C-alpha atoms as a PDB file:
ATOM      1  CA  MET A   1       2.393 -24.756 -20.463  1.00  0.00           C
ATOM      2  CA  MET A   2       0.062 -22.653 -18.745  1.00  0.00           C
ATOM      3  CA  ASP A   3      -2.951 -22.056 -21.155  1.00  0.00           C
ATOM      4  CA  LEU A   4      -4.607 -18.266 -22.053  1.00  0.00           C
ATOM      5  CA  PRO A   5      -7.251 -17.429 -19.246  1.00  0.00           C
ATOM      6  CA  ARG A   6      -4.975 -18.632 -17.114  1.00  0.00           C
ATOM      7  CA  TYR A   7      -2.354 -16.415 -18.376  1.00  0.00           C
ATOM      8  CA  LEU A   8      -4.143 -13.557 -19.108  1.00  0.00           C
ATOM      9  CA  HIS A   9      -5.956 -13.974 -15.192  1.00  0.00           C
ATOM     10  CA  VAL A  10      -2.698 -14.444 -13.478  1.00  0.00           C
ATOM     11  CA  SER A  11      -0.802 -11.537 -15.182  1.00  0.00           C
ATOM     12  CA  SER A  12      -3.881  -9.091 -14.092  1.00  0.00           C
ATOM     13  CA  TRP A  13      -3.090  -9.778 -10.714  1.00  0.00           C
ATOM     14  CA  PHE A  14       0.201  -9.855 -10.875  1.00  0.00           C
ATOM     15  CA  SER A  15       0.347  -6.563 -12.621  1.00  0.00           C
ATOM     16  CA  LEU A  16      -2.252  -5.576  -9.938  1.00  0.00           C
ATOM     17  CA  LYS A  17      -0.067  -6.226  -6.750  1.00  0.00           C
ATOM     18  CA  ILE A  18       3.600  -5.328  -8.012  1.00  0.00           C
ATOM     19  CA  SER A  19       1.729  -1.680  -8.526  1.00  0.00           C
ATOM     20  CA  ALA A  20       0.031  -1.834  -5.107  1.00  0.00           C
ATOM     21  CA  MET A  21       3.887  -2.467  -3.639  1.00  0.00           C
ATOM     22  CA  VAL A  22       5.279   0.038  -5.586  1.00  0.00           C
ATOM     23  CA  SER A  23       2.685   2.343  -4.030  1.00  0.00           C
ATOM     24  CA  ALA A  24       2.851   1.397  -0.073  1.00  0.00           C
ATOM     25  CA  LEU A  25       6.792   1.615  -0.860  1.00  0.00           C
ATOM     26  CA  THR A  26       7.237   4.765  -2.391  1.00  0.00           C
ATOM     27  CA  LEU A  27       4.896   6.431   0.227  1.00  0.00           C
ATOM     28  CA  THR A  28       7.381   4.655   3.091  1.00  0.00           C
ATOM     29  CA  VAL A  29       9.953   6.223   1.384  1.00  0.00           C
ATOM     30  CA  LEU A  30       8.837   9.740   1.021  1.00  0.00           C
ATOM     31  CA  ALA A  31       7.474   9.368   4.682  1.00  0.00           C
ATOM     32  CA  ILE A  32      11.015   8.424   5.866  1.00  0.00           C
ATOM     33  CA  GLU A  33      12.584  11.432   3.434  1.00  0.00           C
ATOM     34  CA  ARG A  34       9.975  14.059   4.645  1.00  0.00           C
ATOM     35  CA  TYR A  35      10.332  12.858   8.292  1.00  0.00           C
ATOM     36  CA  HIS A  36      14.608  13.537   7.852  1.00  0.00           C
ATOM     37  CA  ALA A  37      14.111  16.206   5.767  1.00  0.00           C
ATOM     38  CA  ILE A  38      11.622  18.353   8.106  1.00  0.00           C
ATOM     39  CA  LEU A  39      12.936  17.082  11.558  1.00  0.00           C
ATOM     40  CA  LYS A  40      16.844  16.237  10.766  1.00  0.00           C
ATOM     41  CA  PRO A  41      17.383  17.958   8.371  1.00  0.00           C
ATOM     42  CA  PHE A  42      21.164  17.623   8.751  1.00  0.00           C
ATOM     43  CA  ARG A  43      20.936  13.595   7.470  1.00  0.00           C
ATOM     44  CA  ARG A  44      21.584  14.660   4.423  1.00  0.00           C
ATOM     45  CA  ASP A  45      22.159  10.911   3.174  1.00  0.00           C
ATOM     46  CA  LEU A  46      17.920   9.845   3.717  1.00  0.00           C
ATOM     47  CA  LEU A  47      16.983  13.345   1.729  1.00  0.00           C
ATOM     48  CA  LEU A  48      15.991  12.802  -1.841  1.00  0.00           C
ATOM     49  CA  ASN A  49      18.341  14.140  -4.309  1.00  0.00           C
ATOM     50  CA  ASN A  50      18.965  14.902  -8.344  1.00  0.00           C
ATOM     51  CA  GLY A  51      21.998  12.256  -7.582  1.00  0.00           C
ATOM     52  CA  ASN A  52      19.750   9.254  -5.702  1.00  0.00           C
ATOM     53  CA  ILE A  53      15.973   9.211  -6.717  1.00  0.00           C
ATOM     54  CA  LYS A  54      16.827   7.226  -9.698  1.00  0.00           C
ATOM     55  CA  ARG A  55      18.274   4.618  -6.969  1.00  0.00           C
ATOM     56  CA  ALA A  56      15.075   4.747  -5.253  1.00  0.00           C
ATOM     57  CA  ILE A  57      12.881   4.207  -7.913  1.00  0.00           C
ATOM     58  CA  ALA A  58      15.174   1.353  -9.474  1.00  0.00           C
ATOM     59  CA  PHE A  59      15.617   0.207  -5.560  1.00  0.00           C
ATOM     60  CA  VAL A  60      11.300   0.418  -4.880  1.00  0.00           C
ATOM     61  CA  TRP A  61      10.801  -1.737  -8.138  1.00  0.00           C
ATOM     62  CA  VAL A  62      13.151  -4.130  -7.830  1.00  0.00           C
ATOM     63  CA  LEU A  63      11.696  -5.080  -3.956  1.00  0.00           C
ATOM     64  CA  SER A  64       8.433  -4.675  -5.229  1.00  0.00           C
ATOM     65  CA  ILE A  65       9.048  -7.469  -7.885  1.00  0.00           C
ATOM     66  CA  VAL A  66      10.847  -9.895  -5.870  1.00  0.00           C
ATOM     67  CA  PHE A  67       8.226  -9.493  -2.989  1.00  0.00           C
ATOM     68  CA  THR A  68       5.466 -10.285  -5.721  1.00  0.00           C
ATOM     69  CA  LEU A  69       6.701 -12.727  -7.721  1.00  0.00           C
ATOM     70  CA  PRO A  70       6.151 -15.821  -5.584  1.00  0.00           C
ATOM     71  CA  GLU A  71       2.438 -14.452  -5.849  1.00  0.00           C
ATOM     72  CA  PHE A  72       2.498 -15.494  -9.811  1.00  0.00           C
ATOM     73  CA  PHE A  73       3.470 -19.080  -9.376  1.00  0.00           C
ATOM     74  CA  LEU A  74       0.623 -19.398  -6.502  1.00  0.00           C
ATOM     75  CA  THR A  75      -1.894 -17.587  -8.466  1.00  0.00           C
ATOM     76  CA  GLY A  76      -4.681 -20.015 -10.727  1.00  0.00           C
ATOM     77  CA  MET A  77      -7.818 -20.374 -11.291  1.00  0.00           C
ATOM     78  CA  GLU A  78      -9.924 -23.026 -10.439  1.00  0.00           C
ATOM     79  CA  SER A  79     -13.203 -25.423 -12.635  1.00  0.00           C
ATOM     80  CA  LYS A  80     -16.468 -24.786 -11.436  1.00  0.00           C
ATOM     81  CA  ARG A  81     -19.602 -26.438 -12.568  1.00  0.00           C
ATOM     82  CA  VAL A  82     -20.521 -22.860 -13.976  1.00  0.00           C
ATOM     83  CA  CYS A  83     -17.556 -20.927 -13.846  1.00  0.00           C
ATOM     84  CA  SER A  84     -13.505 -20.790 -13.275  1.00  0.00           C
ATOM     85  CA  ALA A  85     -12.518 -19.334  -9.969  1.00  0.00           C
ATOM     86  CA  CYS A  86      -9.960 -17.562  -8.749  1.00  0.00           C
ATOM     87  CA  SER A  87      -7.455 -19.434  -6.467  1.00  0.00           C
ATOM     88  CA  GLY A  88      -4.299 -18.613  -4.813  1.00  0.00           C
ATOM     89  CA  PRO A  89      -3.588 -16.140  -1.608  1.00  0.00           C
ATOM     90  CA  TRP A  90      -6.425 -13.736  -2.705  1.00  0.00           C
ATOM     91  CA  SER A  91      -8.839 -16.107  -2.464  1.00  0.00           C
ATOM     92  CA  LEU A  92     -10.991 -17.947   0.575  1.00  0.00           C
ATOM     93  CA  ASN A  93     -10.086 -21.986   0.185  1.00  0.00           C
ATOM     94  CA  ALA A  94      -6.253 -20.409  -0.327  1.00  0.00           C
ATOM     95  CA  ASN A  95      -3.870 -23.375   1.083  1.00  0.00           C
ATOM     96  CA  GLN A  96      -1.217 -23.358   3.279  1.00  0.00           C
ATOM     97  CA  ALA A  97       1.308 -21.995   1.559  1.00  0.00           C
ATOM     98  CA  SER A  98      -0.908 -19.405  -0.153  1.00  0.00           C
ATOM     99  CA  ARG A  99      -1.241 -18.187   3.212  1.00  0.00           C
ATOM    100  CA  VAL A 100       1.855 -17.654   4.025  1.00  0.00           C
ATOM    101  CA  TYR A 101       2.471 -16.135   1.412  1.00  0.00           C
ATOM    102  CA  LEU A 102      -0.864 -13.020   2.125  1.00  0.00           C
ATOM    103  CA  TYR A 103       0.047 -13.388   5.701  1.00  0.00           C
ATOM    104  CA  PHE A 104       4.120 -12.150   4.459  1.00  0.00           C
ATOM    105  CA  TYR A 105       2.773  -9.880   1.713  1.00  0.00           C
ATOM    106  CA  SER A 106       0.093  -8.207   3.902  1.00  0.00           C
ATOM    107  CA  VAL A 107       3.477  -7.356   6.464  1.00  0.00           C
ATOM    108  CA  VAL A 108       5.436  -5.790   3.859  1.00  0.00           C
ATOM    109  CA  SER A 109       2.710  -4.229   1.981  1.00  0.00           C
ATOM    110  CA  THR A 110       0.594  -2.886   4.753  1.00  0.00           C
ATOM    111  CA  TYR A 111       0.809  -2.903   8.398  1.00  0.00           C
ATOM    112  CA  VAL A 112       5.256  -1.731   8.742  1.00  0.00           C
ATOM    113  CA  PRO A 113       4.342   1.234   6.107  1.00  0.00           C
ATOM    114  CA  LEU A 114       1.021   1.665   7.937  1.00  0.00           C
ATOM    115  CA  GLY A 115       3.755   2.118  11.702  1.00  0.00           C
ATOM    116  CA  VAL A 116       6.174   4.191   9.321  1.00  0.00           C
ATOM    117  CA  PHE A 117       3.337   6.684   8.502  1.00  0.00           C
ATOM    118  CA  LEU A 118       1.770   7.168  11.986  1.00  0.00           C
ATOM    119  CA  PHE A 119       5.138   7.314  13.661  1.00  0.00           C
ATOM    120  CA  GLY A 120       7.058   9.404  10.517  1.00  0.00           C
ATOM    121  CA  TYR A 121       3.302  12.019  10.396  1.00  0.00           C
ATOM    122  CA  GLY A 122       2.394  11.744  13.629  1.00  0.00           C
ATOM    123  CA  SER A 123       5.881  13.157  14.482  1.00  0.00           C
ATOM    124  CA  LEU A 124       5.617  16.197  11.664  1.00  0.00           C
ATOM    125  CA  ILE A 125       1.458  16.817  12.741  1.00  0.00           C
ATOM    126  CA  LYS A 126       2.813  17.238  17.013  1.00  0.00           C
ATOM    127  CA  GLY A 127       5.892  19.312  15.720  1.00  0.00           C
ATOM    128  CA  LEU A 128       3.967  21.373  13.097  1.00  0.00           C
ATOM    129  CA  TYR A 129       0.617  21.920  14.846  1.00  0.00           C
ATOM    130  CA  PHE A 130       0.985  21.358  18.782  1.00  0.00           C
ATOM    131  CA  SER A 131       4.619  21.672  19.844  1.00  0.00           C
ATOM    132  CA  ASN A 132       5.617  24.483  17.552  1.00  0.00           C
ATOM    133  CA  THR A 133       9.412  22.529  17.962  1.00  0.00           C
ATOM    134  CA  ILE A 134       9.288  22.571  13.746  1.00  0.00           C
ATOM    135  CA  CYS A 135      10.045  25.669  11.625  1.00  0.00           C
ATOM    136  CA  ALA A 136       9.373  27.658  14.498  1.00  0.00           C
ATOM    137  CA  THR A 137      12.052  30.415  13.306  1.00  0.00           C
ATOM    138  CA  ASP A 138      10.725  30.116   9.754  1.00  0.00           C
ATOM    139  CA  SER A 139       8.101  32.851   8.217  1.00  0.00           C
ATOM    140  CA  ASP A 140       4.579  32.637   8.464  1.00  0.00           C
ATOM    141  CA  GLN A 141       4.909  31.547   4.199  1.00  0.00           C
ATOM    142  CA  ASP A 142       6.984  29.064   4.930  1.00  0.00           C
ATOM    143  CA  ARG A 143       5.270  27.770   7.413  1.00  0.00           C
ATOM    144  CA  ASP A 144       2.144  27.498   5.661  1.00  0.00           C
ATOM    145  CA  ASP A 145       3.865  26.113   2.159  1.00  0.00           C
ATOM    146  CA  LYS A 146       5.812  23.410   4.787  1.00  0.00           C
ATOM    147  CA  LYS A 147       2.071  22.519   6.333  1.00  0.00           C
ATOM    148  CA  LYS A 148       0.367  22.023   2.624  1.00  0.00           C
ATOM    149  CA  LEU A 149       3.031  20.113   1.468  1.00  0.00           C
ATOM    150  CA  VAL A 150       3.086  17.754   4.551  1.00  0.00           C
ATOM    151  CA  VAL A 151      -0.939  17.979   4.440  1.00  0.00           C
ATOM    152  CA  THR A 152      -0.844  16.688   0.941  1.00  0.00           C
ATOM    153  CA  ILE A 153       1.385  14.249   1.268  1.00  0.00           C
ATOM    154  CA  ILE A 154      -0.556  12.692   4.331  1.00  0.00           C
ATOM    155  CA  MET A 155      -3.771  12.873   2.126  1.00  0.00           C
ATOM    156  CA  ALA A 156      -2.322  10.569  -0.714  1.00  0.00           C
ATOM    157  CA  THR A 157      -1.592   8.025   2.241  1.00  0.00           C
ATOM    158  CA  VAL A 158      -4.602   7.744   4.034  1.00  0.00           C
ATOM    159  CA  GLY A 159      -5.665   8.021   0.627  1.00  0.00           C
ATOM    160  CA  PHE A 160      -3.653   4.364  -0.025  1.00  0.00           C
ATOM    161  CA  VAL A 161      -4.231   3.159   3.454  1.00  0.00           C
ATOM    162  CA  VAL A 162      -8.118   3.358   3.347  1.00  0.00           C
ATOM    163  CA  GLY A 163      -8.391   1.972  -0.325  1.00  0.00           C
ATOM    164  CA  TYR A 164      -5.953  -0.938  -0.034  1.00  0.00           C
ATOM    165  CA  GLY A 165      -5.641  -1.911   3.563  1.00  0.00           C
ATOM    166  CA  THR A 166      -8.409  -2.550   4.133  1.00  0.00           C
ATOM    167  CA  PRO A 167      -8.597  -5.374   1.589  1.00  0.00           C
ATOM    168  CA  VAL A 168      -5.794  -6.265   2.582  1.00  0.00           C
ATOM    169  CA  VAL A 169      -6.987  -6.635   6.296  1.00  0.00           C
ATOM    170  CA  PHE A 170     -10.310  -7.969   5.256  1.00  0.00           C
ATOM    171  CA  TYR A 171      -8.506 -10.585   3.313  1.00  0.00           C
ATOM    172  CA  CYS A 172      -5.794 -11.914   6.463  1.00  0.00           C
ATOM    173  CA  VAL A 173      -8.941 -12.397   8.802  1.00  0.00           C
ATOM    174  CA  MET A 174     -10.788 -14.551   6.390  1.00  0.00           C
ATOM    175  CA  THR A 175      -7.917 -16.718   5.632  1.00  0.00           C
ATOM    176  CA  PHE A 176      -7.027 -17.285  10.078  1.00  0.00           C
ATOM    177  CA  HIS A 177     -11.000 -17.828  10.063  1.00  0.00           C
ATOM    178  CA  ASN A 178     -11.154 -19.843   7.586  1.00  0.00           C
ATOM    179  CA  GLY A 179     -13.089 -17.849   4.549  1.00  0.00           C
ATOM    180  CA  GLU A 180     -14.842 -21.169   3.398  1.00  0.00           C
ATOM    181  CA  ARG A 181     -17.617 -20.644   5.856  1.00  0.00           C
ATOM    182  CA  PHE A 182     -18.601 -17.431   4.382  1.00  0.00           C
ATOM    183  CA  LYS A 183     -21.154 -17.793   1.209  1.00  0.00           C
ATOM    184  CA  SER A 184     -19.385 -16.879  -2.083  1.00  0.00           C
ATOM    185  CA  ASN A 185     -21.896 -13.842  -3.035  1.00  0.00           C
ATOM    186  CA  LEU A 186     -20.976 -12.532   0.043  1.00  0.00           C
ATOM    187  CA  HIS A 187     -16.860 -12.153  -0.470  1.00  0.00           C
ATOM    188  CA  TYR A 188     -17.858 -10.538  -3.957  1.00  0.00           C
ATOM    189  CA  GLN A 189     -20.068  -8.388  -2.809  1.00  0.00           C
ATOM    190  CA  LEU A 190     -17.560  -7.242  -0.057  1.00  0.00           C
ATOM    191  CA  LEU A 191     -14.680  -7.205  -2.807  1.00  0.00           C
ATOM    192  CA  SER A 192     -16.428  -5.056  -5.170  1.00  0.00           C
ATOM    193  CA  VAL A 193     -17.138  -2.575  -2.539  1.00  0.00           C
ATOM    194  CA  PHE A 194     -13.482  -2.610  -1.257  1.00  0.00           C
ATOM    195  CA  SER A 195     -12.455  -2.622  -4.998  1.00  0.00           C
ATOM    196  CA  PHE A 196     -14.479   1.065  -5.328  1.00  0.00           C
ATOM    197  CA  VAL A 197     -13.182   2.269  -2.395  1.00  0.00           C
ATOM    198  CA  PHE A 198      -9.334   1.455  -3.710  1.00  0.00           C
ATOM    199  CA  ILE A 199     -10.492   3.538  -7.024  1.00  0.00           C
ATOM    200  CA  CYS A 200     -12.328   6.579  -5.045  1.00  0.00           C
ATOM    201  CA  SER A 201      -9.999   7.287  -1.946  1.00  0.00           C
ATOM    202  CA  LEU A 202      -7.621   9.021  -3.781  1.00  0.00           C
ATOM    203  CA  SER A 203      -8.799  11.316  -5.620  1.00  0.00           C
ATOM    204  CA  PHE A 204     -11.047  12.479  -2.670  1.00  0.00           C
ATOM    205  CA  PHE A 205      -8.469  12.699  -0.018  1.00  0.00           C
ATOM    206  CA  MET A 206      -6.081  14.669  -2.704  1.00  0.00           C
ATOM    207  CA  ARG A 207      -9.606  16.821  -3.282  1.00  0.00           C
ATOM    208  CA  PHE A 208      -9.262  18.319   0.097  1.00  0.00           C
ATOM    209  CA  SER A 209      -5.841  18.248   0.387  1.00  0.00           C
ATOM    210  CA  LYS A 210      -5.867  21.458  -1.681  1.00  0.00           C
END
């Protein structure tokens, strides 16, 4: 039977990772939807509307829970001389199963969305600001409104990638190079910095998107 401290610890990490996965998949869905709405407006099946928005939200949450569920069983606590430490995918002493899951989670929550962001928003930026192939026949006001919308979504995406993608890449590199070689205090110092960036980045980028 799971003791209360471990249950609270695992539950908090599980909730955090579900929230991060939901954010990543939601931003990915928005990137795909905006790409088709502006570049391919006749592809109505990929546009969000009142009829399919609920299904899209349910799809994101179900997929996030499925992808994050293994973490509930892999995450635990190890008794140390002074205190207890976290064990599992997001620790520097992760076992083989935790490492495999970390790489899988990183691909789904960071690397694949990043590829979608670069392609989708790169195409939008190129068409709106450089080649002028998007909204070429629209009025200046409509064109400016679409630019502001795209910039707002891009800033929110950049804030998430900077704040969340950085620690994901950090943990992947650490586990690949055997994180046990790194001092524990350095690990927690870097983790604190990443946590601070994750909290501040979204509000920072959203502030300059207005």
